[in-house]
Amino acid sequence: MRPGPFGVALGVVLVVSLLPAGWIGPWSRRTSELVGLPLVPLGDGWMAVRHWLVRPDEQIVSTEDAAFLENEIRNLRLQLNQSRLEIRDLRAKLKLESGDDGGPGRRSRFVEARVVGSEPHGSGERLYRVNAGAARGLELGAQAVTRTDLLLGGVVEVGRTVSLVRPLTSVQTGKFEARILRDGESDVHADGPVLPRGMATPDGHGWTMIVEAASTRGVRPGNEVVMVDSMRRDAFGLRFGRVVTVRDDPDNAQWAVVEVEPLLSMDEGYEVELWMPDRLESDASAAADGNGGGA
């Protein structure tokens, strides 16, 4: 009678139990390796899936670390804004010291803002929105100027937190007096009997100037153009355009036609300074007293 599978297995176990332990160790390890060999690919695949699903520890930020980083960002933004305000104050003091504040008893005021968008207006022009308004002391008629003192336009509507700026190129701006700086000139108060100045008419993209033909000697494309209109006191002397072409007026030989393009056109994202109209110190004090009494 042949023993069954169970009897054979029982016999093998009995024989192995009688063998010394030193003989069993190597064979058991080899047997386990042989049995586990088919399972290796399955284990490797599972490890690959686990590494793909589980985020590495070095990329995980704890709640405490995230809060610390957010606090650091807020502090840095606060320091940046404080530095900007200090720069603005220093520039205002410099203007006062140099006598560019409009005369004795006057002070310059400005609000820092950013162009945040544009929209078509009922007049057919496109106005630009800035993120500043009455809540920050902005007033109607403020001039929009870049940090490099380029004139862009003027504030025509003031809201509480957002206001609208009309670009200087808009037809609705109307005519204004301008002056062309010839080669080597940097001051609008240049000496000479005949200066290249005249009325600039905006056309939506730039301006057309009518100037005396004799004054255009030495004027060439690329020369900068500045504002000298007495009705725009706060913008006086600010650059806004450059000469594109100079040609004779076909209707009058004594005059020349000068085409001017913007030095910089308004666009979203620009940081600007909104310069207020000059105010006498006495007026400013009265306004401050009135605000204080109303509170």
C-alpha atoms as a PDB file:
ATOM      1  CA  MET A   1       0.000   0.000   0.000  1.00  0.00           C
ATOM      2  CA  ARG A   2       1.433   3.316  -1.125  1.00  0.00           C
ATOM      3  CA  PRO A   3       1.288   6.259   1.319  1.00  0.00           C
ATOM      4  CA  GLY A   4      -0.903   9.187   0.312  1.00  0.00           C
ATOM      5  CA  PRO A   5       0.288  12.810  -0.199  1.00  0.00           C
ATOM      6  CA  PHE A   6      -0.443  13.572   3.416  1.00  0.00           C
ATOM      7  CA  GLY A   7       1.650  10.688   4.598  1.00  0.00           C
ATOM      8  CA  VAL A   8       4.570  11.725   2.363  1.00  0.00           C
ATOM      9  CA  ALA A   9       4.402  15.317   3.679  1.00  0.00           C
ATOM     10  CA  LEU A  10       4.246  14.042   7.250  1.00  0.00           C
ATOM     11  CA  GLY A  11       7.274  11.867   6.641  1.00  0.00           C
ATOM     12  CA  VAL A  12       9.258  14.748   5.179  1.00  0.00           C
ATOM     13  CA  VAL A  13       8.421  16.887   8.187  1.00  0.00           C
ATOM     14  CA  LEU A  14       9.466  14.090  10.527  1.00  0.00           C
ATOM     15  CA  VAL A  15      12.807  13.654   8.735  1.00  0.00           C
ATOM     16  CA  VAL A  16      13.504  17.388   8.673  1.00  0.00           C
ATOM     17  CA  SER A  17      12.731  17.678  12.383  1.00  0.00           C
ATOM     18  CA  LEU A  18      15.384  15.080  13.103  1.00  0.00           C
ATOM     19  CA  LEU A  19      18.100  16.883  11.085  1.00  0.00           C
ATOM     20  CA  PRO A  20      20.523  19.295  12.820  1.00  0.00           C
ATOM     21  CA  ALA A  21      19.558  23.010  12.711  1.00  0.00           C
ATOM     22  CA  GLY A  22      22.765  23.956  10.875  1.00  0.00           C
ATOM     23  CA  TRP A  23      21.737  21.798   7.901  1.00  0.00           C
ATOM     24  CA  ILE A  24      18.221  23.203   7.680  1.00  0.00           C
ATOM     25  CA  GLY A  25      19.040  26.955   7.524  1.00  0.00           C
ATOM     26  CA  PRO A  26      20.597  27.192   4.013  1.00  0.00           C
ATOM     27  CA  TRP A  27      17.984  24.929   2.462  1.00  0.00           C
ATOM     28  CA  SER A  28      15.064  26.846   4.026  1.00  0.00           C
ATOM     29  CA  ARG A  29      16.395  30.182   2.735  1.00  0.00           C
ATOM     30  CA  ARG A  30      16.857  28.802  -0.774  1.00  0.00           C
ATOM     31  CA  THR A  31      13.408  27.269  -0.704  1.00  0.00           C
ATOM     32  CA  SER A  32      11.841  30.575   0.383  1.00  0.00           C
ATOM     33  CA  GLU A  33      13.689  32.424  -2.384  1.00  0.00           C
ATOM     34  CA  LEU A  34      12.452  29.882  -4.926  1.00  0.00           C
ATOM     35  CA  VAL A  35       8.873  30.185  -3.677  1.00  0.00           C
ATOM     36  CA  GLY A  36       8.967  34.039  -3.600  1.00  0.00           C
ATOM     37  CA  LEU A  37      10.503  34.402  -7.059  1.00  0.00           C
ATOM     38  CA  PRO A  38       7.140  34.584  -8.915  1.00  0.00           C
ATOM     39  CA  LEU A  39       5.949  37.261  -6.464  1.00  0.00           C
ATOM     40  CA  VAL A  40       8.835  39.696  -7.123  1.00  0.00           C
ATOM     41  CA  PRO A  41       7.274  41.410 -10.184  1.00  0.00           C
ATOM     42  CA  LEU A  42       4.034  41.917  -8.278  1.00  0.00           C
ATOM     43  CA  GLY A  43       5.882  43.525  -5.370  1.00  0.00           C
ATOM     44  CA  ASP A  44       7.915  45.800  -7.626  1.00  0.00           C
ATOM     45  CA  GLY A  45       4.786  46.938  -9.427  1.00  0.00           C
ATOM     46  CA  TRP A  46       3.010  47.732  -6.182  1.00  0.00           C
ATOM     47  CA  MET A  47       6.006  49.759  -4.949  1.00  0.00           C
ATOM     48  CA  ALA A  48       6.005  51.777  -8.187  1.00  0.00           C
ATOM     49  CA  VAL A  49       2.287  52.535  -7.814  1.00  0.00           C
ATOM     50  CA  ARG A  50       2.798  53.506  -4.162  1.00  0.00           C
ATOM     51  CA  HIS A  51       5.596  55.964  -5.040  1.00  0.00           C
ATOM     52  CA  TRP A  52       3.385  57.501  -7.746  1.00  0.00           C
ATOM     53  CA  LEU A  53       0.374  57.913  -5.445  1.00  0.00           C
ATOM     54  CA  VAL A  54       2.130  59.012  -2.271  1.00  0.00           C
ATOM     55  CA  ARG A  55       3.509  62.594  -2.260  1.00  0.00           C
ATOM     56  CA  PRO A  56       7.193  62.775  -1.242  1.00  0.00           C
ATOM     57  CA  ASP A  57       7.713  63.983   2.307  1.00  0.00           C
ATOM     58  CA  GLU A  58       9.966  66.847   1.251  1.00  0.00           C
ATOM     59  CA  GLN A  59       7.126  68.449  -0.782  1.00  0.00           C
ATOM     60  CA  ILE A  60       4.564  68.335   2.000  1.00  0.00           C
ATOM     61  CA  VAL A  61       4.209  71.624   3.902  1.00  0.00           C
ATOM     62  CA  SER A  62       2.659  71.479   7.326  1.00  0.00           C
ATOM     63  CA  THR A  63      -0.075  73.820   8.455  1.00  0.00           C
ATOM     64  CA  GLU A  64       2.376  75.611  10.733  1.00  0.00           C
ATOM     65  CA  ASP A  65       4.900  76.113   7.909  1.00  0.00           C
ATOM     66  CA  ALA A  66       2.191  77.412   5.555  1.00  0.00           C
ATOM     67  CA  ALA A  67       1.008  79.922   8.161  1.00  0.00           C
ATOM     68  CA  PHE A  68       4.597  81.036   8.768  1.00  0.00           C
ATOM     69  CA  LEU A  69       5.216  81.571   5.030  1.00  0.00           C
ATOM     70  CA  GLU A  70       1.969  83.538   4.624  1.00  0.00           C
ATOM     71  CA  ASN A  71       2.960  85.762   7.534  1.00  0.00           C
ATOM     72  CA  GLU A  72       6.382  86.328   5.966  1.00  0.00           C
ATOM     73  CA  ILE A  73       4.747  87.311   2.648  1.00  0.00           C
ATOM     74  CA  ARG A  74       2.482  89.812   4.429  1.00  0.00           C
ATOM     75  CA  ASN A  75       5.448  91.328   6.250  1.00  0.00           C
ATOM     76  CA  LEU A  76       7.436  91.662   3.031  1.00  0.00           C
ATOM     77  CA  ARG A  77       4.496  93.319   1.267  1.00  0.00           C
ATOM     78  CA  LEU A  78       4.120  95.729   4.176  1.00  0.00           C
ATOM     79  CA  GLN A  79       7.820  96.604   4.026  1.00  0.00           C
ATOM     80  CA  LEU A  80       7.573  97.112   0.254  1.00  0.00           C
ATOM     81  CA  ASN A  81       4.612  99.481   0.599  1.00  0.00           C
ATOM     82  CA  GLN A  82       6.341 101.387   3.383  1.00  0.00           C
ATOM     83  CA  SER A  83       9.441 101.756   1.220  1.00  0.00           C
ATOM     84  CA  ARG A  84       7.334 103.053  -1.670  1.00  0.00           C
ATOM     85  CA  LEU A  85       5.679 105.622   0.591  1.00  0.00           C
ATOM     86  CA  GLU A  86       9.073 106.735   1.894  1.00  0.00           C
ATOM     87  CA  ILE A  87      10.311 107.159  -1.679  1.00  0.00           C
ATOM     88  CA  ARG A  88       7.232 109.202  -2.575  1.00  0.00           C
ATOM     89  CA  ASP A  89       7.717 111.415   0.496  1.00  0.00           C
ATOM     90  CA  LEU A  90      11.384 111.966  -0.317  1.00  0.00           C
ATOM     91  CA  ARG A  91      10.542 112.922  -3.886  1.00  0.00           C
ATOM     92  CA  ALA A  92       7.898 115.365  -2.659  1.00  0.00           C
ATOM     93  CA  LYS A  93      10.398 116.917  -0.245  1.00  0.00           C
ATOM     94  CA  LEU A  94      12.932 117.184  -3.046  1.00  0.00           C
ATOM     95  CA  LYS A  95      10.435 119.081  -5.195  1.00  0.00           C
ATOM     96  CA  LEU A  96       9.703 121.435  -2.325  1.00  0.00           C
ATOM     97  CA  GLU A  97      13.400 122.051  -1.693  1.00  0.00           C
ATOM     98  CA  SER A  98      14.112 122.659  -5.382  1.00  0.00           C
ATOM     99  CA  GLY A  99      11.223 125.110  -5.732  1.00  0.00           C
ATOM    100  CA  ASP A 100       9.171 122.943  -8.086  1.00  0.00           C
ATOM    101  CA  ASP A 101       6.090 122.979  -5.878  1.00  0.00           C
ATOM    102  CA  GLY A 102       4.345 125.761  -7.810  1.00  0.00           C
ATOM    103  CA  GLY A 103       5.419 128.706  -5.687  1.00  0.00           C
ATOM    104  CA  PRO A 104       5.557 129.858  -2.048  1.00  0.00           C
ATOM    105  CA  GLY A 105       2.780 128.601   0.182  1.00  0.00           C
ATOM    106  CA  ARG A 106       1.911 125.691  -2.130  1.00  0.00           C
ATOM    107  CA  ARG A 107       2.450 121.983  -1.714  1.00  0.00           C
ATOM    108  CA  SER A 108       2.459 119.046  -4.084  1.00  0.00           C
ATOM    109  CA  ARG A 109       0.173 116.083  -3.476  1.00  0.00           C
ATOM    110  CA  PHE A 110      -0.075 112.746  -5.243  1.00  0.00           C
ATOM    111  CA  VAL A 111      -1.592 109.276  -4.938  1.00  0.00           C
ATOM    112  CA  GLU A 112       0.133 106.116  -6.099  1.00  0.00           C
ATOM    113  CA  ALA A 113      -2.064 103.787  -8.160  1.00  0.00           C
ATOM    114  CA  ARG A 114      -2.079 101.090 -10.824  1.00  0.00           C
ATOM    115  CA  VAL A 115      -3.949 100.888 -14.126  1.00  0.00           C
ATOM    116  CA  VAL A 116      -6.320  97.945 -13.634  1.00  0.00           C
ATOM    117  CA  GLY A 117      -8.407  98.028 -16.813  1.00  0.00           C
ATOM    118  CA  SER A 118     -10.080 100.061 -19.538  1.00  0.00           C
ATOM    119  CA  GLU A 119     -13.585 100.561 -20.829  1.00  0.00           C
ATOM    120  CA  PRO A 120     -15.341 102.375 -23.681  1.00  0.00           C
ATOM    121  CA  HIS A 121     -17.059 105.612 -22.700  1.00  0.00           C
ATOM    122  CA  GLY A 122     -20.272 107.158 -23.965  1.00  0.00           C
ATOM    123  CA  SER A 123     -18.242 109.861 -25.715  1.00  0.00           C
ATOM    124  CA  GLY A 124     -16.710 107.218 -27.986  1.00  0.00           C
ATOM    125  CA  GLU A 125     -13.303 107.262 -26.299  1.00  0.00           C
ATOM    126  CA  ARG A 126     -11.620 104.615 -24.152  1.00  0.00           C
ATOM    127  CA  LEU A 127     -10.958 105.494 -20.517  1.00  0.00           C
ATOM    128  CA  TYR A 128      -8.622 103.678 -18.141  1.00  0.00           C
ATOM    129  CA  ARG A 129      -9.433 102.561 -14.594  1.00  0.00           C
ATOM    130  CA  VAL A 130      -7.011 103.106 -11.726  1.00  0.00           C
ATOM    131  CA  ASN A 131      -7.338 101.561  -8.268  1.00  0.00           C
ATOM    132  CA  ALA A 132      -7.528 104.835  -6.346  1.00  0.00           C
ATOM    133  CA  GLY A 133     -10.372 107.167  -5.502  1.00  0.00           C
ATOM    134  CA  ALA A 134     -11.834 109.602  -3.021  1.00  0.00           C
ATOM    135  CA  ALA A 135     -11.114 107.225  -0.146  1.00  0.00           C
ATOM    136  CA  ARG A 136      -7.408 107.907  -0.707  1.00  0.00           C
ATOM    137  CA  GLY A 137      -7.793 111.636  -1.269  1.00  0.00           C
ATOM    138  CA  LEU A 138      -7.884 111.598  -5.062  1.00  0.00           C
ATOM    139  CA  GLU A 139      -9.484 114.646  -6.676  1.00  0.00           C
ATOM    140  CA  LEU A 140     -10.903 115.429 -10.097  1.00  0.00           C
ATOM    141  CA  GLY A 141      -8.327 116.903 -12.467  1.00  0.00           C
ATOM    142  CA  ALA A 142      -5.336 114.968 -11.157  1.00  0.00           C
ATOM    143  CA  GLN A 143      -2.630 114.254 -13.741  1.00  0.00           C
ATOM    144  CA  ALA A 144      -1.643 110.625 -14.440  1.00  0.00           C
ATOM    145  CA  VAL A 145       2.156 110.509 -14.566  1.00  0.00           C
ATOM    146  CA  THR A 146       4.617 107.619 -14.673  1.00  0.00           C
ATOM    147  CA  ARG A 147       7.494 107.313 -12.207  1.00  0.00           C
ATOM    148  CA  THR A 148       9.780 108.588 -14.948  1.00  0.00           C
ATOM    149  CA  ASP A 149       7.670 111.786 -15.213  1.00  0.00           C
ATOM    150  CA  LEU A 150       5.909 110.942 -18.473  1.00  0.00           C
ATOM    151  CA  LEU A 151       2.463 112.496 -18.798  1.00  0.00           C
ATOM    152  CA  LEU A 152      -0.245 109.948 -19.699  1.00  0.00           C
ATOM    153  CA  GLY A 153      -3.571 111.718 -19.102  1.00  0.00           C
ATOM    154  CA  GLY A 154      -5.921 113.211 -16.531  1.00  0.00           C
ATOM    155  CA  VAL A 155      -8.550 111.974 -14.060  1.00  0.00           C
ATOM    156  CA  VAL A 156     -12.072 112.726 -15.332  1.00  0.00           C
ATOM    157  CA  GLU A 157     -14.199 110.647 -12.935  1.00  0.00           C
ATOM    158  CA  VAL A 158     -13.520 109.902  -9.263  1.00  0.00           C
ATOM    159  CA  GLY A 159     -15.195 107.056  -7.423  1.00  0.00           C
ATOM    160  CA  ARG A 160     -14.639 105.913  -3.883  1.00  0.00           C
ATOM    161  CA  THR A 161     -11.984 103.296  -4.695  1.00  0.00           C
ATOM    162  CA  VAL A 162     -11.743 103.355  -8.513  1.00  0.00           C
ATOM    163  CA  SER A 163     -11.389 106.319 -10.874  1.00  0.00           C
ATOM    164  CA  LEU A 164     -11.249 106.893 -14.634  1.00  0.00           C
ATOM    165  CA  VAL A 165      -8.339 108.471 -16.500  1.00  0.00           C
ATOM    166  CA  ARG A 166      -8.645 110.044 -19.935  1.00  0.00           C
ATOM    167  CA  PRO A 167      -5.483 109.480 -22.003  1.00  0.00           C
ATOM    168  CA  LEU A 168      -3.826 112.606 -23.373  1.00  0.00           C
ATOM    169  CA  THR A 169      -4.284 111.227 -26.893  1.00  0.00           C
ATOM    170  CA  SER A 170      -8.092 111.296 -26.580  1.00  0.00           C
ATOM    171  CA  VAL A 171      -9.911 113.744 -28.858  1.00  0.00           C
ATOM    172  CA  GLN A 172     -11.958 114.800 -25.816  1.00  0.00           C
ATOM    173  CA  THR A 173      -8.779 116.176 -24.226  1.00  0.00           C
ATOM    174  CA  GLY A 174      -8.904 119.164 -26.551  1.00  0.00           C
ATOM    175  CA  LYS A 175      -6.071 121.346 -27.819  1.00  0.00           C
ATOM    176  CA  PHE A 176      -3.205 122.348 -25.551  1.00  0.00           C
ATOM    177  CA  GLU A 177       0.057 124.216 -25.922  1.00  0.00           C
ATOM    178  CA  ALA A 178       3.223 122.158 -26.302  1.00  0.00           C
ATOM    179  CA  ARG A 179       6.918 122.758 -26.908  1.00  0.00           C
ATOM    180  CA  ILE A 180       9.423 120.725 -28.945  1.00  0.00           C
ATOM    181  CA  LEU A 181      12.845 120.140 -27.388  1.00  0.00           C
ATOM    182  CA  ARG A 182      15.531 120.404 -30.038  1.00  0.00           C
ATOM    183  CA  ASP A 183      18.747 118.380 -29.982  1.00  0.00           C
ATOM    184  CA  GLY A 184      20.719 119.114 -26.834  1.00  0.00           C
ATOM    185  CA  GLU A 185      17.839 120.845 -25.027  1.00  0.00           C
ATOM    186  CA  SER A 186      16.484 119.548 -21.744  1.00  0.00           C
ATOM    187  CA  ASP A 187      14.745 122.638 -20.340  1.00  0.00           C
ATOM    188  CA  VAL A 188      11.472 124.113 -21.589  1.00  0.00           C
ATOM    189  CA  HIS A 189      12.758 127.599 -20.729  1.00  0.00           C
ATOM    190  CA  ALA A 190      15.333 127.690 -23.524  1.00  0.00           C
ATOM    191  CA  ASP A 191      16.604 131.015 -24.812  1.00  0.00           C
ATOM    192  CA  GLY A 192      15.865 132.150 -28.367  1.00  0.00           C
ATOM    193  CA  PRO A 193      13.581 134.509 -30.221  1.00  0.00           C
ATOM    194  CA  VAL A 194      11.771 131.702 -32.037  1.00  0.00           C
ATOM    195  CA  LEU A 195      10.917 128.484 -30.192  1.00  0.00           C
ATOM    196  CA  PRO A 196       9.223 125.426 -31.735  1.00  0.00           C
ATOM    197  CA  ARG A 197       5.951 125.593 -29.852  1.00  0.00           C
ATOM    198  CA  GLY A 198       2.316 125.574 -30.828  1.00  0.00           C
ATOM    199  CA  MET A 199      -1.097 124.052 -30.187  1.00  0.00           C
ATOM    200  CA  ALA A 200      -1.225 120.247 -30.145  1.00  0.00           C
ATOM    201  CA  THR A 201      -4.451 118.638 -31.369  1.00  0.00           C
ATOM    202  CA  PRO A 202      -5.063 114.998 -30.283  1.00  0.00           C
ATOM    203  CA  ASP A 203      -6.473 112.528 -32.804  1.00  0.00           C
ATOM    204  CA  GLY A 204      -6.878 109.409 -30.655  1.00  0.00           C
ATOM    205  CA  HIS A 205      -3.432 108.007 -31.436  1.00  0.00           C
ATOM    206  CA  GLY A 206      -1.134 111.019 -31.219  1.00  0.00           C
ATOM    207  CA  TRP A 207      -1.132 114.758 -31.878  1.00  0.00           C
ATOM    208  CA  THR A 208      -0.724 117.255 -34.698  1.00  0.00           C
ATOM    209  CA  MET A 209       1.111 120.507 -33.930  1.00  0.00           C
ATOM    210  CA  ILE A 210       1.027 123.707 -35.980  1.00  0.00           C
ATOM    211  CA  VAL A 211       4.251 125.689 -35.371  1.00  0.00           C
ATOM    212  CA  GLU A 212       6.090 128.508 -37.091  1.00  0.00           C
ATOM    213  CA  ALA A 213       8.119 127.172 -40.001  1.00  0.00           C
ATOM    214  CA  ALA A 214      11.156 129.225 -38.968  1.00  0.00           C
ATOM    215  CA  SER A 215      11.194 127.541 -35.550  1.00  0.00           C
ATOM    216  CA  THR A 216      11.414 124.030 -37.021  1.00  0.00           C
ATOM    217  CA  ARG A 217      15.070 124.465 -38.002  1.00  0.00           C
ATOM    218  CA  GLY A 218      16.922 121.896 -35.977  1.00  0.00           C
ATOM    219  CA  VAL A 219      13.739 119.917 -35.235  1.00  0.00           C
ATOM    220  CA  ARG A 220      13.936 116.328 -36.408  1.00  0.00           C
ATOM    221  CA  PRO A 221      12.115 113.020 -35.825  1.00  0.00           C
ATOM    222  CA  GLY A 222      12.793 111.717 -32.342  1.00  0.00           C
ATOM    223  CA  ASN A 223      12.842 115.118 -30.605  1.00  0.00           C
ATOM    224  CA  GLU A 224      10.724 115.023 -27.455  1.00  0.00           C
ATOM    225  CA  VAL A 225       7.659 117.183 -26.858  1.00  0.00           C
ATOM    226  CA  VAL A 226       6.650 118.660 -23.480  1.00  0.00           C
ATOM    227  CA  MET A 227       3.536 120.268 -22.030  1.00  0.00           C
ATOM    228  CA  VAL A 228       3.697 124.065 -21.613  1.00  0.00           C
ATOM    229  CA  ASP A 229      -0.002 124.903 -21.427  1.00  0.00           C
ATOM    230  CA  SER A 230      -0.707 127.501 -18.732  1.00  0.00           C
ATOM    231  CA  MET A 231      -4.104 125.891 -18.062  1.00  0.00           C
ATOM    232  CA  ARG A 232      -2.403 122.638 -17.072  1.00  0.00           C
ATOM    233  CA  ARG A 233      -0.162 123.943 -14.331  1.00  0.00           C
ATOM    234  CA  ASP A 234       0.485 120.563 -12.687  1.00  0.00           C
ATOM    235  CA  ALA A 235       1.592 119.046 -15.991  1.00  0.00           C
ATOM    236  CA  PHE A 236       3.835 121.930 -17.064  1.00  0.00           C
ATOM    237  CA  GLY A 237       7.200 120.743 -18.367  1.00  0.00           C
ATOM    238  CA  LEU A 238       6.258 117.031 -18.447  1.00  0.00           C
ATOM    239  CA  ARG A 239       7.251 115.026 -21.518  1.00  0.00           C
ATOM    240  CA  PHE A 240       4.512 113.187 -23.387  1.00  0.00           C
ATOM    241  CA  GLY A 241       5.499 112.651 -27.048  1.00  0.00           C
ATOM    242  CA  ARG A 242       8.159 112.561 -29.738  1.00  0.00           C
ATOM    243  CA  VAL A 243       8.302 114.040 -33.221  1.00  0.00           C
ATOM    244  CA  VAL A 244       7.490 111.650 -36.059  1.00  0.00           C
ATOM    245  CA  THR A 245       7.460 113.927 -39.112  1.00  0.00           C
ATOM    246  CA  VAL A 246       7.866 117.623 -39.952  1.00  0.00           C
ATOM    247  CA  ARG A 247       6.322 119.003 -43.164  1.00  0.00           C
ATOM    248  CA  ASP A 248       5.294 122.340 -44.622  1.00  0.00           C
ATOM    249  CA  ASP A 249       1.732 123.520 -44.172  1.00  0.00           C
ATOM    250  CA  PRO A 250       0.175 123.383 -47.676  1.00  0.00           C
ATOM    251  CA  ASP A 251      -2.161 126.258 -46.809  1.00  0.00           C
ATOM    252  CA  ASN A 252       0.384 128.666 -45.325  1.00  0.00           C
ATOM    253  CA  ALA A 253       4.111 128.724 -45.966  1.00  0.00           C
ATOM    254  CA  GLN A 254       4.756 130.483 -42.652  1.00  0.00           C
ATOM    255  CA  TRP A 255       3.652 127.423 -40.705  1.00  0.00           C
ATOM    256  CA  ALA A 256       4.772 123.806 -40.438  1.00  0.00           C
ATOM    257  CA  VAL A 257       2.848 120.661 -39.479  1.00  0.00           C
ATOM    258  CA  VAL A 258       4.513 118.385 -36.909  1.00  0.00           C
ATOM    259  CA  GLU A 259       3.165 114.891 -36.247  1.00  0.00           C
ATOM    260  CA  VAL A 260       3.768 113.628 -32.696  1.00  0.00           C
ATOM    261  CA  GLU A 261       3.432 110.123 -31.244  1.00  0.00           C
ATOM    262  CA  PRO A 262       3.180 109.156 -27.530  1.00  0.00           C
ATOM    263  CA  LEU A 263       6.351 108.340 -25.631  1.00  0.00           C
ATOM    264  CA  LEU A 264       4.280 105.785 -23.730  1.00  0.00           C
ATOM    265  CA  SER A 265       0.653 104.732 -24.234  1.00  0.00           C
ATOM    266  CA  MET A 266      -1.480 103.782 -21.254  1.00  0.00           C
ATOM    267  CA  ASP A 267      -1.967 100.083 -20.691  1.00  0.00           C
ATOM    268  CA  GLU A 268      -3.120  97.741 -17.939  1.00  0.00           C
ATOM    269  CA  GLY A 269      -0.606  96.989 -15.210  1.00  0.00           C
ATOM    270  CA  TYR A 270       1.194 100.343 -15.354  1.00  0.00           C
ATOM    271  CA  GLU A 271       2.012 101.962 -12.030  1.00  0.00           C
ATOM    272  CA  VAL A 272       1.226 105.674 -12.069  1.00  0.00           C
ATOM    273  CA  GLU A 273       1.273 108.681  -9.784  1.00  0.00           C
ATOM    274  CA  LEU A 274      -1.861 110.811  -9.771  1.00  0.00           C
ATOM    275  CA  TRP A 275      -0.698 114.392  -9.201  1.00  0.00           C
ATOM    276  CA  MET A 276      -3.237 116.713  -7.605  1.00  0.00           C
ATOM    277  CA  PRO A 277      -3.794 120.310  -8.614  1.00  0.00           C
ATOM    278  CA  ASP A 278      -1.672 122.741  -6.595  1.00  0.00           C
ATOM    279  CA  ARG A 279      -3.350 123.794  -3.373  1.00  0.00           C
ATOM    280  CA  LEU A 280      -2.409 126.702  -1.145  1.00  0.00           C
ATOM    281  CA  GLU A 281      -1.369 125.726   2.371  1.00  0.00           C
ATOM    282  CA  SER A 282      -4.161 127.920   3.780  1.00  0.00           C
ATOM    283  CA  ASP A 283      -6.723 126.075   1.638  1.00  0.00           C
ATOM    284  CA  ALA A 284      -5.321 122.727   2.719  1.00  0.00           C
ATOM    285  CA  SER A 285      -5.475 123.723   6.394  1.00  0.00           C
ATOM    286  CA  ALA A 286      -9.060 124.924   6.005  1.00  0.00           C
ATOM    287  CA  ALA A 287     -10.031 121.664   4.341  1.00  0.00           C
ATOM    288  CA  ALA A 288      -8.348 119.679   7.102  1.00  0.00           C
ATOM    289  CA  ASP A 289     -10.125 121.733   9.792  1.00  0.00           C
ATOM    290  CA  GLY A 290     -13.420 121.230   8.018  1.00  0.00           C
ATOM    291  CA  ASN A 291     -12.909 117.493   7.884  1.00  0.00           C
ATOM    292  CA  GLY A 292     -11.910 117.418  11.496  1.00  0.00           C
ATOM    293  CA  GLY A 293     -14.939 119.454  12.580  1.00  0.00           C
ATOM    294  CA  GLY A 294     -17.279 117.206  10.612  1.00  0.00           C
ATOM    295  CA  ALA A 295     -15.914 114.143  12.356  1.00  0.00           C
END
